[in-house]
Amino acid sequence: MSTADLTDAASRPASVRVAGAEDAETLAAVAGATFELACPPSMTRERIEAFVAEVLSPARFADYLADPDRHLLLVEDDEAALGYAMLVAGEPQDADVRAAIRLRPTVELSKIYVLPAAHGTGAAALLMARALEWSAGSGASGVWLGVNQQNARAQRFYAKSGFERVGTKRFLIGGSYEDDYVMERPLAPRLA
């Protein structure tokens, strides 16, 4: 996917769909192109590349897509994938997160990214809405996420989406730890 393919992304309508096994390569391409956007300026290229190779490869996305506790969404227009989200149902593994979040059962919004050309198009808001809809439908009472403490843009988006800061945690990238905020939001109960 080239940047030229996305130059007029704002003029094309976006939609969100559940990702399937056939989307592993696309998810990895979008993840590789967007992960750096969430990293603090001090993070080295080597650390970013190590994380992408270890956690965001096509093989890892194939594993994620096969995991029954994970739900992956793709936001796309009629020409290209614009972003993705990954949700993980269940109790957090991280002790700091378990202590910080207040709502159970919970879903982690593990990843939500859109390509830079899709910023400001509404694609991220559409993706967030579908992620929250799925989470509520799963029976969760809340959704949590971790965001780098230096990523002010993402923090603003999450706050606008109803998340509030409830704690902190550490996040391992390329052999070194980064400091994250833990943010959480309640979900409206699903009506029967």
Protein backbone atom coordinates (compact mmCIF):
# COMPACT_ATOMS: atom_id res chain seq x y z
CA MET A 1 0.00 0.00 0.00
CA SER A 2 1.55 3.31 -0.99
CA THR A 3 1.01 6.71 0.55
CA ALA A 4 -0.25 7.92 -2.83
CA ASP A 5 -3.13 5.44 -2.53
CA LEU A 6 -4.26 7.29 0.60
CA THR A 7 -3.87 10.92 -0.43
CA ASP A 8 -7.59 11.44 -0.86
CA ALA A 9 -8.71 9.14 1.96
CA ALA A 10 -10.72 11.98 3.49
CA SER A 11 -13.03 12.05 0.46
CA ARG A 12 -13.83 8.32 0.51
CA PRO A 13 -16.33 6.76 2.93
CA ALA A 14 -14.88 4.31 5.44
CA SER A 15 -16.43 1.19 6.92
CA VAL A 16 -15.40 -1.27 9.61
CA ARG A 17 -15.47 -5.04 9.34
CA VAL A 18 -14.29 -8.00 11.39
CA ALA A 19 -10.87 -9.14 10.21
CA GLY A 20 -10.39 -12.74 9.13
CA ALA A 21 -7.44 -15.08 8.64
CA GLU A 22 -6.97 -13.75 5.11
CA ASP A 23 -6.23 -10.28 6.56
CA ALA A 24 -3.03 -11.15 8.50
CA GLU A 25 -0.72 -9.57 5.88
CA THR A 26 -2.85 -6.42 5.64
CA LEU A 27 -3.02 -6.06 9.42
CA ALA A 28 0.75 -6.47 9.70
CA ALA A 29 1.34 -3.86 6.98
CA VAL A 30 -0.92 -1.32 8.69
CA ALA A 31 0.58 -2.14 12.09
CA GLY A 32 4.11 -1.71 10.77
CA ALA A 33 3.20 1.65 9.24
CA THR A 34 1.41 2.99 12.32
CA PHE A 35 3.17 1.67 15.42
CA GLU A 36 5.85 4.36 15.36
CA LEU A 37 3.13 7.00 15.70
CA ALA A 38 2.53 5.86 19.28
CA CYS A 39 6.20 5.85 20.28
CA PRO A 40 7.93 8.65 22.18
CA PRO A 41 10.47 10.67 20.19
CA SER A 42 13.32 9.19 22.22
CA MET A 43 12.62 5.63 21.07
CA THR A 44 15.29 4.29 18.74
CA ARG A 45 14.59 2.90 15.29
CA GLU A 46 16.11 -0.42 16.42
CA ARG A 47 13.62 -0.77 19.30
CA ILE A 48 10.68 0.05 17.04
CA GLU A 49 11.81 -2.42 14.38
CA ALA A 50 12.40 -5.14 16.99
CA PHE A 51 8.88 -4.69 18.38
CA VAL A 52 7.29 -4.71 14.91
CA ALA A 53 9.21 -7.87 13.97
CA GLU A 54 8.36 -9.63 17.24
CA VAL A 55 4.77 -8.52 17.89
CA LEU A 56 3.32 -7.15 14.64
CA SER A 57 4.44 -9.62 11.98
CA PRO A 58 2.05 -11.45 9.63
CA ALA A 59 2.68 -14.67 11.59
CA ARG A 60 1.78 -12.98 14.88
CA PHE A 61 -1.40 -11.54 13.35
CA ALA A 62 -2.31 -15.03 12.13
CA ASP A 63 -1.97 -16.15 15.77
CA TYR A 64 -4.04 -13.22 17.03
CA LEU A 65 -6.77 -13.95 14.48
CA ALA A 66 -6.92 -17.58 15.64
CA ASP A 67 -7.15 -16.64 19.34
CA PRO A 68 -10.78 -16.89 20.56
CA ASP A 69 -10.15 -14.21 23.22
CA ARG A 70 -9.13 -11.63 20.58
CA HIS A 71 -11.32 -9.67 18.19
CA LEU A 72 -9.73 -7.73 15.32
CA LEU A 73 -11.39 -5.02 13.27
CA LEU A 74 -10.27 -3.35 10.02
CA VAL A 75 -11.38 0.11 8.97
CA GLU A 76 -11.11 0.58 5.23
CA ASP A 77 -12.48 2.51 2.34
CA ASP A 78 -13.17 1.11 -1.11
CA GLU A 79 -9.46 1.27 -1.99
CA ALA A 80 -7.36 0.40 1.04
CA ALA A 81 -7.14 -0.52 4.71
CA LEU A 82 -6.94 2.63 6.82
CA GLY A 83 -6.45 1.18 10.29
CA TYR A 84 -7.21 -1.59 12.72
CA ALA A 85 -8.16 -2.38 16.30
CA MET A 86 -7.44 -5.42 18.47
CA LEU A 87 -9.54 -6.22 21.53
CA VAL A 88 -8.66 -8.82 24.15
CA ALA A 89 -11.37 -10.19 26.43
CA GLY A 90 -10.57 -11.29 29.95
CA GLU A 91 -8.73 -10.36 33.10
CA PRO A 92 -5.49 -8.41 32.47
CA GLN A 93 -2.20 -10.26 32.96
CA ASP A 94 -0.40 -7.15 34.24
CA ALA A 95 -0.64 -6.67 38.04
CA ASP A 96 -0.54 -2.86 37.75
CA VAL A 97 -3.47 -2.92 35.34
CA ARG A 98 -5.46 -5.34 37.52
CA ALA A 99 -5.00 -2.96 40.46
CA ALA A 100 -5.90 0.16 38.45
CA ILE A 101 -9.04 -0.83 36.59
CA ARG A 102 -12.35 -0.73 38.41
CA LEU A 103 -14.78 -2.43 36.06
CA ARG A 104 -15.19 -6.16 35.60
CA PRO A 105 -15.60 -8.07 33.38
CA THR A 106 -13.27 -6.10 31.17
CA VAL A 107 -11.90 -5.93 27.63
CA GLU A 108 -8.50 -4.51 26.70
CA LEU A 109 -8.35 -2.23 23.69
CA SER A 110 -4.89 -3.59 22.93
CA LYS A 111 -4.32 -1.71 19.70
CA ILE A 112 -6.14 0.95 17.71
CA TYR A 113 -4.31 2.76 14.94
CA VAL A 114 -5.13 4.54 11.69
CA LEU A 115 -2.69 5.56 9.00
CA PRO A 116 -1.64 9.24 9.03
CA ALA A 117 -3.52 9.96 5.80
CA ALA A 118 -6.74 8.88 7.55
CA HIS A 119 -6.25 11.21 10.54
CA GLY A 120 -9.10 13.69 10.71
CA THR A 121 -11.35 11.66 8.39
CA GLY A 122 -13.51 10.08 11.09
CA ALA A 123 -12.02 6.64 10.46
CA ALA A 124 -10.56 6.43 13.99
CA ALA A 125 -13.86 7.46 15.60
CA LEU A 126 -15.73 4.90 13.50
CA LEU A 127 -13.22 2.20 14.49
CA MET A 128 -13.49 3.17 18.17
CA ALA A 129 -17.29 3.06 18.03
CA ARG A 130 -17.26 -0.46 16.59
CA ALA A 131 -14.66 -1.59 19.14
CA LEU A 132 -16.81 -0.29 22.00
CA GLU A 133 -19.92 -1.85 20.46
CA TRP A 134 -18.23 -5.26 20.28
CA SER A 135 -16.95 -4.90 23.86
CA ALA A 136 -20.42 -4.09 25.18
CA GLY A 137 -21.85 -7.00 23.22
CA SER A 138 -19.31 -9.33 24.82
CA GLY A 139 -20.82 -8.61 28.23
CA ALA A 140 -17.95 -6.46 29.50
CA SER A 141 -18.64 -3.67 31.99
CA GLY A 142 -15.59 -1.67 30.94
CA VAL A 143 -12.77 -1.26 28.44
CA TRP A 144 -9.19 -0.36 29.32
CA LEU A 145 -6.06 0.54 27.37
CA GLY A 146 -2.46 1.53 27.90
CA VAL A 147 -1.07 4.64 26.22
CA ASN A 148 2.47 6.02 26.33
CA GLN A 149 2.66 8.92 28.76
CA GLN A 150 4.26 11.09 26.04
CA ASN A 151 1.56 10.39 23.43
CA ALA A 152 -0.63 13.46 24.00
CA ARG A 153 -2.49 13.09 20.68
CA ALA A 154 -3.71 9.58 21.53
CA GLN A 155 -4.58 10.62 25.09
CA ARG A 156 -6.80 13.41 23.72
CA PHE A 157 -8.54 10.97 21.37
CA TYR A 158 -9.13 8.48 24.19
CA ALA A 159 -10.46 11.19 26.52
CA LYS A 160 -12.80 12.36 23.76
CA SER A 161 -13.91 8.72 23.45
CA GLY A 162 -14.86 8.58 27.14
CA PHE A 163 -11.70 7.10 28.68
CA GLU A 164 -10.18 8.48 31.87
CA ARG A 165 -6.79 7.91 33.43
CA VAL A 166 -6.94 5.38 36.28
CA GLY A 167 -3.32 4.29 36.77
CA THR A 168 0.07 3.55 35.26
CA LYS A 169 1.96 0.53 33.96
CA ARG A 170 5.22 -0.35 32.22
CA PHE A 171 5.37 -1.53 28.60
CA LEU A 172 8.30 -3.52 27.18
CA ILE A 173 9.47 -2.46 23.71
CA GLY A 174 12.66 -3.75 22.16
CA GLY A 175 14.19 -4.78 25.48
CA SER A 176 13.47 -1.52 27.36
CA TYR A 177 10.48 -0.34 29.37
CA GLU A 178 8.28 2.66 28.61
CA ASP A 179 5.81 4.27 31.00
CA ASP A 180 2.13 4.10 30.07
CA TYR A 181 -1.03 5.51 31.51
CA VAL A 182 -3.85 3.05 32.06
CA MET A 183 -7.15 4.52 30.86
CA GLU A 184 -10.60 3.01 31.32
CA ARG A 185 -14.19 3.71 30.35
CA PRO A 186 -17.47 2.14 31.35
CA LEU A 187 -19.73 0.48 28.83
CA ALA A 188 -23.48 0.88 28.69
CA PRO A 189 -25.21 -2.36 29.67
CA ARG A 190 -26.48 -4.35 26.73
CA LEU A 191 -30.26 -4.36 26.51
CA ALA A 192 -31.87 -7.76 26.01
